[in-house]
Amino acid sequence: MVHLCTQRWEAQMESVKVGIREFRDKLASYLLESDAPVAITRHGDTVGYYIPARRNRSESERDALRQVATRMQGMLAAEGISEDEILADFRKWRAGSRK
């Protein structure tokens, strides 16, 4: 369910997809120059997002982010998934990927 939500979010936010190594190698460029959200991938799967913080984000962009957050919370609640479970799952995945 979370994957489905991220696909919808990517379509709405027009994110740029980059591999995790490229993102790491060009981190300064993405942090300082990127205006669009960046979907970070590993082996083709989206593993995270970088959403640039701008001082002058438009009200429509803030509304879109609020709507996405509200929908995401609703989808997680409908599936009975808590933020703690997501965090625990991420930590487990991260620990396994380091081995």
PDB file of N, CA and C in Angstrom:
ATOM      1  N   MET A   1       0.818  -1.185   0.000  1.00  0.00           N
ATOM      2  CA  MET A   1       0.000   0.000   0.000  1.00  0.00           C
ATOM      3  C   MET A   1       0.866   1.255   0.000  1.00  0.00           C
ATOM      4  N   VAL A   2       1.935   1.248   0.766  1.00  0.00           N
ATOM      5  CA  VAL A   2       2.807   2.404   0.812  1.00  0.00           C
ATOM      6  C   VAL A   2       3.426   2.653  -0.565  1.00  0.00           C
ATOM      7  N   HIS A   3       3.801   1.562  -1.270  1.00  0.00           N
ATOM      8  CA  HIS A   3       4.395   1.689  -2.600  1.00  0.00           C
ATOM      9  C   HIS A   3       3.409   2.370  -3.554  1.00  0.00           C
ATOM     10  N   LEU A   4       2.145   2.001  -3.473  1.00  0.00           N
ATOM     11  CA  LEU A   4       1.122   2.602  -4.315  1.00  0.00           C
ATOM     12  C   LEU A   4       1.021   4.092  -4.040  1.00  0.00           C
ATOM     13  N   CYS A   5       1.088   4.461  -2.784  1.00  0.00           N
ATOM     14  CA  CYS A   5       1.012   5.870  -2.414  1.00  0.00           C
ATOM     15  C   CYS A   5       2.218   6.629  -2.950  1.00  0.00           C
ATOM     16  N   THR A   6       3.400   6.031  -2.890  1.00  0.00           N
ATOM     17  CA  THR A   6       4.591   6.725  -3.369  1.00  0.00           C
ATOM     18  C   THR A   6       4.527   6.916  -4.880  1.00  0.00           C
ATOM     19  N   GLN A   7       3.933   5.966  -5.595  1.00  0.00           N
ATOM     20  CA  GLN A   7       3.782   6.141  -7.036  1.00  0.00           C
ATOM     21  C   GLN A   7       2.888   7.331  -7.334  1.00  0.00           C
ATOM     22  N   ARG A   8       1.800   7.473  -6.599  1.00  0.00           N
ATOM     23  CA  ARG A   8       0.900   8.606  -6.797  1.00  0.00           C
ATOM     24  C   ARG A   8       1.611   9.908  -6.445  1.00  0.00           C
ATOM     25  N   TRP A   9       2.370   9.886  -5.351  1.00  0.00           N
ATOM     26  CA  TRP A   9       3.091  11.077  -4.913  1.00  0.00           C
ATOM     27  C   TRP A   9       4.097  11.501  -5.971  1.00  0.00           C
ATOM     28  N   GLU A  10       4.849  10.539  -6.519  1.00  0.00           N
ATOM     29  CA  GLU A  10       5.834  10.859  -7.544  1.00  0.00           C
ATOM     30  C   GLU A  10       5.171  11.499  -8.753  1.00  0.00           C
ATOM     31  N   ALA A  11       4.016  10.975  -9.140  1.00  0.00           N
ATOM     32  CA  ALA A  11       3.320  11.517 -10.300  1.00  0.00           C
ATOM     33  C   ALA A  11       2.862  12.947 -10.034  1.00  0.00           C
ATOM     34  N   GLN A  12       2.387  13.214  -8.833  1.00  0.00           N
ATOM     35  CA  GLN A  12       1.909  14.545  -8.500  1.00  0.00           C
ATOM     36  C   GLN A  12       3.042  15.552  -8.365  1.00  0.00           C
ATOM     37  N   MET A  13       4.125  15.155  -7.744  1.00  0.00           N
ATOM     38  CA  MET A  13       5.192  16.080  -7.425  1.00  0.00           C
ATOM     39  C   MET A  13       6.246  16.193  -8.526  1.00  0.00           C
ATOM     40  N   GLU A  14       6.149  15.405  -9.587  1.00  0.00           N
ATOM     41  CA  GLU A  14       7.096  15.443 -10.680  1.00  0.00           C
ATOM     42  C   GLU A  14       8.529  15.344 -10.169  1.00  0.00           C
ATOM     43  N   SER A  15       8.822  14.278  -9.458  1.00  0.00           N
ATOM     44  CA  SER A  15      10.151  14.100  -8.885  1.00  0.00           C
ATOM     45  C   SER A  15      11.142  13.611  -9.932  1.00  0.00           C
ATOM     46  N   VAL A  16      12.405  13.878  -9.658  1.00  0.00           N
ATOM     47  CA  VAL A  16      13.505  13.404 -10.479  1.00  0.00           C
ATOM     48  C   VAL A  16      14.000  12.124  -9.832  1.00  0.00           C
ATOM     49  N   LYS A  17      14.217  11.053 -10.619  1.00  0.00           N
ATOM     50  CA  LYS A  17      14.711   9.792 -10.066  1.00  0.00           C
ATOM     51  C   LYS A  17      16.214   9.700 -10.251  1.00  0.00           C
ATOM     52  N   VAL A  18      16.916   9.376  -9.166  1.00  0.00           N
ATOM     53  CA  VAL A  18      18.359   9.162  -9.240  1.00  0.00           C
ATOM     54  C   VAL A  18      18.728   7.964  -8.375  1.00  0.00           C
ATOM     55  N   GLY A  19      19.789   7.288  -8.775  1.00  0.00           N
ATOM     56  CA  GLY A  19      20.285   6.180  -7.980  1.00  0.00           C
ATOM     57  C   GLY A  19      20.923   6.687  -6.700  1.00  0.00           C
ATOM     58  N   ILE A  20      20.953   5.827  -5.702  1.00  0.00           N
ATOM     59  CA  ILE A  20      21.464   6.223  -4.397  1.00  0.00           C
ATOM     60  C   ILE A  20      22.937   6.632  -4.465  1.00  0.00           C
ATOM     61  N   ARG A  21      23.724   5.951  -5.296  1.00  0.00           N
ATOM     62  CA  ARG A  21      25.149   6.319  -5.414  1.00  0.00           C
ATOM     63  C   ARG A  21      25.309   7.687  -6.072  1.00  0.00           C
ATOM     64  N   GLU A  22      24.545   7.926  -7.125  1.00  0.00           N
ATOM     65  CA  GLU A  22      24.614   9.232  -7.774  1.00  0.00           C
ATOM     66  C   GLU A  22      24.199  10.326  -6.806  1.00  0.00           C
ATOM     67  N   PHE A  23      23.136  10.068  -6.050  1.00  0.00           N
ATOM     68  CA  PHE A  23      22.671  11.060  -5.079  1.00  0.00           C
ATOM     69  C   PHE A  23      23.771  11.349  -4.063  1.00  0.00           C
ATOM     70  N   ARG A  24      24.409  10.308  -3.556  1.00  0.00           N
ATOM     71  CA  ARG A  24      25.481  10.481  -2.580  1.00  0.00           C
ATOM     72  C   ARG A  24      26.652  11.245  -3.197  1.00  0.00           C
ATOM     73  N   ASP A  25      27.042  10.863  -4.415  1.00  0.00           N
ATOM     74  CA  ASP A  25      28.193  11.493  -5.064  1.00  0.00           C
ATOM     75  C   ASP A  25      27.951  12.967  -5.386  1.00  0.00           C
ATOM     76  N   LYS A  26      26.720  13.308  -5.700  1.00  0.00           N
ATOM     77  CA  LYS A  26      26.398  14.684  -6.079  1.00  0.00           C
ATOM     78  C   LYS A  26      25.522  15.369  -5.038  1.00  0.00           C
ATOM     79  N   LEU A  27      25.667  14.952  -3.783  1.00  0.00           N
ATOM     80  CA  LEU A  27      24.811  15.444  -2.704  1.00  0.00           C
ATOM     81  C   LEU A  27      24.779  16.969  -2.627  1.00  0.00           C
ATOM     82  N   ALA A  28      25.927  17.600  -2.680  1.00  0.00           N
ATOM     83  CA  ALA A  28      25.972  19.063  -2.574  1.00  0.00           C
ATOM     84  C   ALA A  28      25.144  19.718  -3.674  1.00  0.00           C
ATOM     85  N   SER A  29      25.231  19.199  -4.890  1.00  0.00           N
ATOM     86  CA  SER A  29      24.450  19.762  -5.995  1.00  0.00           C
ATOM     87  C   SER A  29      22.957  19.620  -5.743  1.00  0.00           C
ATOM     88  N   TYR A  30      22.544  18.439  -5.294  1.00  0.00           N
ATOM     89  CA  TYR A  30      21.119  18.236  -5.026  1.00  0.00           C
ATOM     90  C   TYR A  30      20.640  19.117  -3.875  1.00  0.00           C
ATOM     91  N   LEU A  31      21.453  19.257  -2.840  1.00  0.00           N
ATOM     92  CA  LEU A  31      21.051  20.064  -1.686  1.00  0.00           C
ATOM     93  C   LEU A  31      20.965  21.548  -2.012  1.00  0.00           C
ATOM     94  N   LEU A  32      21.885  22.028  -2.823  1.00  0.00           N
ATOM     95  CA  LEU A  32      21.971  23.460  -3.070  1.00  0.00           C
ATOM     96  C   LEU A  32      21.274  23.931  -4.336  1.00  0.00           C
ATOM     97  N   GLU A  33      21.104  23.048  -5.319  1.00  0.00           N
ATOM     98  CA  GLU A  33      20.604  23.486  -6.620  1.00  0.00           C
ATOM     99  C   GLU A  33      19.256  22.907  -7.018  1.00  0.00           C
ATOM    100  N   SER A  34      18.806  21.865  -6.366  1.00  0.00           N
ATOM    101  CA  SER A  34      17.590  21.185  -6.787  1.00  0.00           C
ATOM    102  C   SER A  34      16.340  21.965  -6.382  1.00  0.00           C
ATOM    103  N   ASP A  35      15.429  22.117  -7.330  1.00  0.00           N
ATOM    104  CA  ASP A  35      14.137  22.735  -7.048  1.00  0.00           C
ATOM    105  C   ASP A  35      13.029  21.700  -6.968  1.00  0.00           C
ATOM    106  N   ALA A  36      13.232  20.552  -7.614  1.00  0.00           N
ATOM    107  CA  ALA A  36      12.209  19.508  -7.651  1.00  0.00           C
ATOM    108  C   ALA A  36      12.543  18.418  -6.636  1.00  0.00           C
ATOM    109  N   PRO A  37      11.531  17.738  -6.118  1.00  0.00           N
ATOM    110  CA  PRO A  37      11.793  16.598  -5.243  1.00  0.00           C
ATOM    111  C   PRO A  37      12.607  15.541  -5.985  1.00  0.00           C
ATOM    112  N   VAL A  38      13.424  14.813  -5.251  1.00  0.00           N
ATOM    113  CA  VAL A  38      14.269  13.775  -5.835  1.00  0.00           C
ATOM    114  C   VAL A  38      13.853  12.428  -5.239  1.00  0.00           C
ATOM    115  N   ALA A  39      13.485  11.492  -6.110  1.00  0.00           N
ATOM    116  CA  ALA A  39      13.191  10.127  -5.677  1.00  0.00           C
ATOM    117  C   ALA A  39      14.507   9.361  -5.750  1.00  0.00           C
ATOM    118  N   ILE A  40      14.953   8.833  -4.625  1.00  0.00           N
ATOM    119  CA  ILE A  40      16.230   8.128  -4.561  1.00  0.00           C
ATOM    120  C   ILE A  40      15.948   6.639  -4.699  1.00  0.00           C
ATOM    121  N   THR A  41      16.632   6.013  -5.662  1.00  0.00           N
ATOM    122  CA  THR A  41      16.364   4.602  -5.948  1.00  0.00           C
ATOM    123  C   THR A  41      17.578   3.732  -5.654  1.00  0.00           C
ATOM    124  N   ARG A  42      17.291   2.471  -5.411  1.00  0.00           N
ATOM    125  CA  ARG A  42      18.321   1.447  -5.241  1.00  0.00           C
ATOM    126  C   ARG A  42      17.842   0.232  -6.010  1.00  0.00           C
ATOM    127  N   HIS A  43      18.586  -0.158  -7.014  1.00  0.00           N
ATOM    128  CA  HIS A  43      18.210  -1.271  -7.884  1.00  0.00           C
ATOM    129  C   HIS A  43      16.811  -1.076  -8.465  1.00  0.00           C
ATOM    130  N   GLY A  44      16.482   0.171  -8.812  1.00  0.00           N
ATOM    131  CA  GLY A  44      15.204   0.474  -9.437  1.00  0.00           C
ATOM    132  C   GLY A  44      14.047   0.717  -8.486  1.00  0.00           C
ATOM    133  N   ASP A  45      14.224   0.409  -7.202  1.00  0.00           N
ATOM    134  CA  ASP A  45      13.160   0.625  -6.213  1.00  0.00           C
ATOM    135  C   ASP A  45      13.392   1.943  -5.484  1.00  0.00           C
ATOM    136  N   THR A  46      12.336   2.717  -5.320  1.00  0.00           N
ATOM    137  CA  THR A  46      12.449   3.973  -4.600  1.00  0.00           C
ATOM    138  C   THR A  46      12.628   3.684  -3.115  1.00  0.00           C
ATOM    139  N   VAL A  47      13.711   4.220  -2.541  1.00  0.00           N
ATOM    140  CA  VAL A  47      14.007   3.982  -1.121  1.00  0.00           C
ATOM    141  C   VAL A  47      13.844   5.230  -0.277  1.00  0.00           C
ATOM    142  N   GLY A  48      13.702   6.376  -0.913  1.00  0.00           N
ATOM    143  CA  GLY A  48      13.531   7.599  -0.146  1.00  0.00           C
ATOM    144  C   GLY A  48      13.342   8.793  -1.056  1.00  0.00           C
ATOM    145  N   TYR A  49      13.111   9.921  -0.425  1.00  0.00           N
ATOM    146  CA  TYR A  49      12.894  11.155  -1.155  1.00  0.00           C
ATOM    147  C   TYR A  49      13.686  12.276  -0.507  1.00  0.00           C
ATOM    148  N   TYR A  50      14.161  13.178  -1.327  1.00  0.00           N
ATOM    149  CA  TYR A  50      14.723  14.427  -0.842  1.00  0.00           C
ATOM    150  C   TYR A  50      13.790  15.511  -1.352  1.00  0.00           C
ATOM    151  N   ILE A  51      13.223  16.272  -0.443  1.00  0.00           N
ATOM    152  CA  ILE A  51      12.330  17.360  -0.816  1.00  0.00           C
ATOM    153  C   ILE A  51      13.018  18.656  -0.421  1.00  0.00           C
ATOM    154  N   PRO A  52      13.442  19.433  -1.413  1.00  0.00           N
ATOM    155  CA  PRO A  52      14.158  20.670  -1.111  1.00  0.00           C
ATOM    156  C   PRO A  52      13.301  21.643  -0.314  1.00  0.00           C
ATOM    157  N   ALA A  53      13.901  22.248   0.667  1.00  0.00           N
ATOM    158  CA  ALA A  53      13.213  23.276   1.450  1.00  0.00           C
ATOM    159  C   ALA A  53      13.547  24.629   0.827  1.00  0.00           C
ATOM    160  N   ARG A  54      12.536  25.322   0.413  1.00  0.00           N
ATOM    161  CA  ARG A  54      12.742  26.650  -0.161  1.00  0.00           C
ATOM    162  C   ARG A  54      12.055  27.668   0.723  1.00  0.00           C
ATOM    163  N   ARG A  55      12.618  28.792   0.807  1.00  0.00           N
ATOM    164  CA  ARG A  55      12.031  29.844   1.632  1.00  0.00           C
ATOM    165  C   ARG A  55      10.715  30.351   1.050  1.00  0.00           C
ATOM    166  N   ASN A  56      10.606  30.357  -0.258  1.00  0.00           N
ATOM    167  CA  ASN A  56       9.435  30.935  -0.910  1.00  0.00           C
ATOM    168  C   ASN A  56       8.582  29.877  -1.602  1.00  0.00           C
ATOM    169  N   ARG A  57       8.297  28.790  -0.913  1.00  0.00           N
ATOM    170  CA  ARG A  57       7.434  27.766  -1.490  1.00  0.00           C
ATOM    171  C   ARG A  57       6.040  28.364  -1.673  1.00  0.00           C
ATOM    172  N   SER A  58       5.433  28.095  -2.819  1.00  0.00           N
ATOM    173  CA  SER A  58       4.119  28.670  -3.099  1.00  0.00           C
ATOM    174  C   SER A  58       3.049  27.998  -2.239  1.00  0.00           C
ATOM    175  N   GLU A  59       1.971  28.703  -2.077  1.00  0.00           N
ATOM    176  CA  GLU A  59       0.866  28.173  -1.279  1.00  0.00           C
ATOM    177  C   GLU A  59       0.298  26.910  -1.919  1.00  0.00           C
ATOM    178  N   SER A  60       0.254  26.837  -3.244  1.00  0.00           N
ATOM    179  CA  SER A  60      -0.266  25.635  -3.908  1.00  0.00           C
ATOM    180  C   SER A  60       0.656  24.437  -3.657  1.00  0.00           C
ATOM    181  N   GLU A  61       1.972  24.681  -3.610  1.00  0.00           N
ATOM    182  CA  GLU A  61       2.904  23.596  -3.300  1.00  0.00           C
ATOM    183  C   GLU A  61       2.720  23.117  -1.858  1.00  0.00           C
ATOM    184  N   ARG A  62       2.536  24.058  -0.934  1.00  0.00           N
ATOM    185  CA  ARG A  62       2.296  23.674   0.471  1.00  0.00           C
ATOM    186  C   ARG A  62       0.998  22.884   0.592  1.00  0.00           C
ATOM    187  N   ASP A  63      -0.025  23.314  -0.125  1.00  0.00           N
ATOM    188  CA  ASP A  63      -1.301  22.589  -0.105  1.00  0.00           C
ATOM    189  C   ASP A  63      -1.133  21.175  -0.657  1.00  0.00           C
ATOM    190  N   ALA A  64      -0.380  21.040  -1.746  1.00  0.00           N
ATOM    191  CA  ALA A  64      -0.153  19.713  -2.335  1.00  0.00           C
ATOM    192  C   ALA A  64       0.582  18.811  -1.352  1.00  0.00           C
ATOM    193  N   LEU A  65       1.579  19.335  -0.663  1.00  0.00           N
ATOM    194  CA  LEU A  65       2.308  18.537   0.329  1.00  0.00           C
ATOM    195  C   LEU A  65       1.406  18.138   1.492  1.00  0.00           C
ATOM    196  N   ARG A  66       0.556  19.064   1.934  1.00  0.00           N
ATOM    197  CA  ARG A  66      -0.392  18.738   3.017  1.00  0.00           C
ATOM    198  C   ARG A  66      -1.363  17.638   2.579  1.00  0.00           C
ATOM    199  N   GLN A  67      -1.843  17.729   1.350  1.00  0.00           N
ATOM    200  CA  GLN A  67      -2.777  16.721   0.837  1.00  0.00           C
ATOM    201  C   GLN A  67      -2.113  15.358   0.746  1.00  0.00           C
ATOM    202  N   VAL A  68      -0.883  15.321   0.269  1.00  0.00           N
ATOM    203  CA  VAL A  68      -0.159  14.048   0.176  1.00  0.00           C
ATOM    204  C   VAL A  68       0.046  13.460   1.567  1.00  0.00           C
ATOM    205  N   ALA A  69       0.438  14.299   2.518  1.00  0.00           N
ATOM    206  CA  ALA A  69       0.661  13.818   3.888  1.00  0.00           C
ATOM    207  C   ALA A  69      -0.637  13.274   4.495  1.00  0.00           C
ATOM    208  N   THR A  70      -1.725  13.973   4.269  1.00  0.00           N
ATOM    209  CA  THR A  70      -3.016  13.534   4.797  1.00  0.00           C
ATOM    210  C   THR A  70      -3.433  12.200   4.176  1.00  0.00           C
ATOM    211  N   ARG A  71      -3.273  12.083   2.859  1.00  0.00           N
ATOM    212  CA  ARG A  71      -3.615  10.820   2.187  1.00  0.00           C
ATOM    213  C   ARG A  71      -2.732   9.676   2.669  1.00  0.00           C
ATOM    214  N   MET A  72      -1.445   9.963   2.819  1.00  0.00           N
ATOM    215  CA  MET A  72      -0.518   8.928   3.285  1.00  0.00           C
ATOM    216  C   MET A  72      -0.905   8.465   4.685  1.00  0.00           C
ATOM    217  N   GLN A  73      -1.221   9.385   5.573  1.00  0.00           N
ATOM    218  CA  GLN A  73      -1.641   9.009   6.919  1.00  0.00           C
ATOM    219  C   GLN A  73      -2.924   8.183   6.879  1.00  0.00           C
ATOM    220  N   GLY A  74      -3.853   8.559   6.015  1.00  0.00           N
ATOM    221  CA  GLY A  74      -5.094   7.803   5.884  1.00  0.00           C
ATOM    222  C   GLY A  74      -4.858   6.396   5.361  1.00  0.00           C
ATOM    223  N   MET A  75      -3.983   6.256   4.387  1.00  0.00           N
ATOM    224  CA  MET A  75      -3.688   4.937   3.827  1.00  0.00           C
ATOM    225  C   MET A  75      -3.006   4.046   4.870  1.00  0.00           C
ATOM    226  N   LEU A  76      -2.079   4.626   5.610  1.00  0.00           N
ATOM    227  CA  LEU A  76      -1.404   3.857   6.658  1.00  0.00           C
ATOM    228  C   LEU A  76      -2.402   3.437   7.734  1.00  0.00           C
ATOM    229  N   ALA A  77      -3.275   4.358   8.139  1.00  0.00           N
ATOM    230  CA  ALA A  77      -4.276   4.042   9.159  1.00  0.00           C
ATOM    231  C   ALA A  77      -5.225   2.948   8.673  1.00  0.00           C
ATOM    232  N   ALA A  78      -5.623   3.016   7.405  1.00  0.00           N
ATOM    233  CA  ALA A  78      -6.531   2.010   6.845  1.00  0.00           C
ATOM    234  C   ALA A  78      -5.902   0.621   6.847  1.00  0.00           C
ATOM    235  N   GLU A  79      -4.593   0.576   6.686  1.00  0.00           N
ATOM    236  CA  GLU A  79      -3.880  -0.699   6.689  1.00  0.00           C
ATOM    237  C   GLU A  79      -3.422  -1.100   8.085  1.00  0.00           C
ATOM    238  N   GLY A  80      -3.662  -0.228   9.063  1.00  0.00           N
ATOM    239  CA  GLY A  80      -3.255  -0.525  10.437  1.00  0.00           C
ATOM    240  C   GLY A  80      -1.748  -0.461  10.637  1.00  0.00           C
ATOM    241  N   ILE A  81      -1.086   0.379   9.870  1.00  0.00           N
ATOM    242  CA  ILE A  81       0.364   0.506   9.951  1.00  0.00           C
ATOM    243  C   ILE A  81       0.707   1.788  10.710  1.00  0.00           C
ATOM    244  N   SER A  82       1.560   1.662  11.721  1.00  0.00           N
ATOM    245  CA  SER A  82       1.955   2.832  12.497  1.00  0.00           C
ATOM    246  C   SER A  82       3.306   3.363  12.017  1.00  0.00           C
ATOM    247  N   GLU A  83       3.598   4.596  12.391  1.00  0.00           N
ATOM    248  CA  GLU A  83       4.894   5.179  12.058  1.00  0.00           C
ATOM    249  C   GLU A  83       6.021   4.382  12.709  1.00  0.00           C
ATOM    250  N   ASP A  84       5.778   3.889  13.917  1.00  0.00           N
ATOM    251  CA  ASP A  84       6.788   3.080  14.608  1.00  0.00           C
ATOM    252  C   ASP A  84       7.101   1.801  13.839  1.00  0.00           C
ATOM    253  N   GLU A  85       6.071   1.180  13.249  1.00  0.00           N
ATOM    254  CA  GLU A  85       6.286  -0.030  12.461  1.00  0.00           C
ATOM    255  C   GLU A  85       7.099   0.262  11.209  1.00  0.00           C
ATOM    256  N   ILE A  86       6.820   1.378  10.574  1.00  0.00           N
ATOM    257  CA  ILE A  86       7.579   1.761   9.379  1.00  0.00           C
ATOM    258  C   ILE A  86       9.034   1.999   9.753  1.00  0.00           C
ATOM    259  N   LEU A  87       9.249   2.711  10.843  1.00  0.00           N
ATOM    260  CA  LEU A  87      10.610   2.990  11.287  1.00  0.00           C
ATOM    261  C   LEU A  87      11.345   1.700  11.644  1.00  0.00           C
ATOM    262  N   ALA A  88      10.687   0.788  12.348  1.00  0.00           N
ATOM    263  CA  ALA A  88      11.310  -0.487  12.701  1.00  0.00           C
ATOM    264  C   ALA A  88      11.635  -1.303  11.454  1.00  0.00           C
ATOM    265  N   ASP A  89      10.725  -1.305  10.484  1.00  0.00           N
ATOM    266  CA  ASP A  89      10.955  -2.030   9.235  1.00  0.00           C
ATOM    267  C   ASP A  89      12.136  -1.428   8.476  1.00  0.00           C
ATOM    268  N   PHE A  90      12.218  -0.104   8.444  1.00  0.00           N
ATOM    269  CA  PHE A  90      13.333   0.561   7.771  1.00  0.00           C
ATOM    270  C   PHE A  90      14.650   0.219   8.456  1.00  0.00           C
ATOM    271  N   ARG A  91      14.673   0.268   9.783  1.00  0.00           N
ATOM    272  CA  ARG A  91      15.909  -0.056  10.516  1.00  0.00           C
ATOM    273  C   ARG A  91      16.338  -1.496  10.264  1.00  0.00           C
ATOM    274  N   LYS A  92      15.372  -2.399  10.210  1.00  0.00           N
ATOM    275  CA  LYS A  92      15.674  -3.806   9.934  1.00  0.00           C
ATOM    276  C   LYS A  92      16.249  -3.949   8.524  1.00  0.00           C
ATOM    277  N   TRP A  93      15.623  -3.295   7.554  1.00  0.00           N
ATOM    278  CA  TRP A  93      16.113  -3.346   6.176  1.00  0.00           C
ATOM    279  C   TRP A  93      17.514  -2.752   6.089  1.00  0.00           C
ATOM    280  N   ARG A  94      17.718  -1.626   6.742  1.00  0.00           N
ATOM    281  CA  ARG A  94      19.012  -0.951   6.693  1.00  0.00           C
ATOM    282  C   ARG A  94      20.109  -1.795   7.328  1.00  0.00           C
ATOM    283  N   ALA A  95      19.800  -2.426   8.445  1.00  0.00           N
ATOM    284  CA  ALA A  95      20.786  -3.303   9.105  1.00  0.00           C
ATOM    285  C   ALA A  95      21.135  -4.490   8.215  1.00  0.00           C
ATOM    286  N   GLY A  96      20.156  -5.033   7.527  1.00  0.00           N
ATOM    287  CA  GLY A  96      20.398  -6.159   6.620  1.00  0.00           C
ATOM    288  C   GLY A  96      21.177  -5.776   5.383  1.00  0.00           C
ATOM    289  N   SER A  97      20.999  -4.540   4.926  1.00  0.00           N
ATOM    290  CA  SER A  97      21.694  -4.116   3.699  1.00  0.00           C
ATOM    291  C   SER A  97      23.162  -3.778   3.954  1.00  0.00           C
ATOM    292  N   ARG A  98      23.543  -3.610   5.198  1.00  0.00           N
ATOM    293  CA  ARG A  98      24.936  -3.292   5.527  1.00  0.00           C
ATOM    294  C   ARG A  98      25.822  -4.524   5.613  1.00  0.00           C
ATOM    295  N   LYS A  99      25.198  -5.680   5.666  1.00  0.00           N
ATOM    296  CA  LYS A  99      25.982  -6.911   5.823  1.00  0.00           C
ATOM    297  C   LYS A  99      26.582  -7.369   4.552  1.00  0.00           C
TER     298      LYS A  99
END
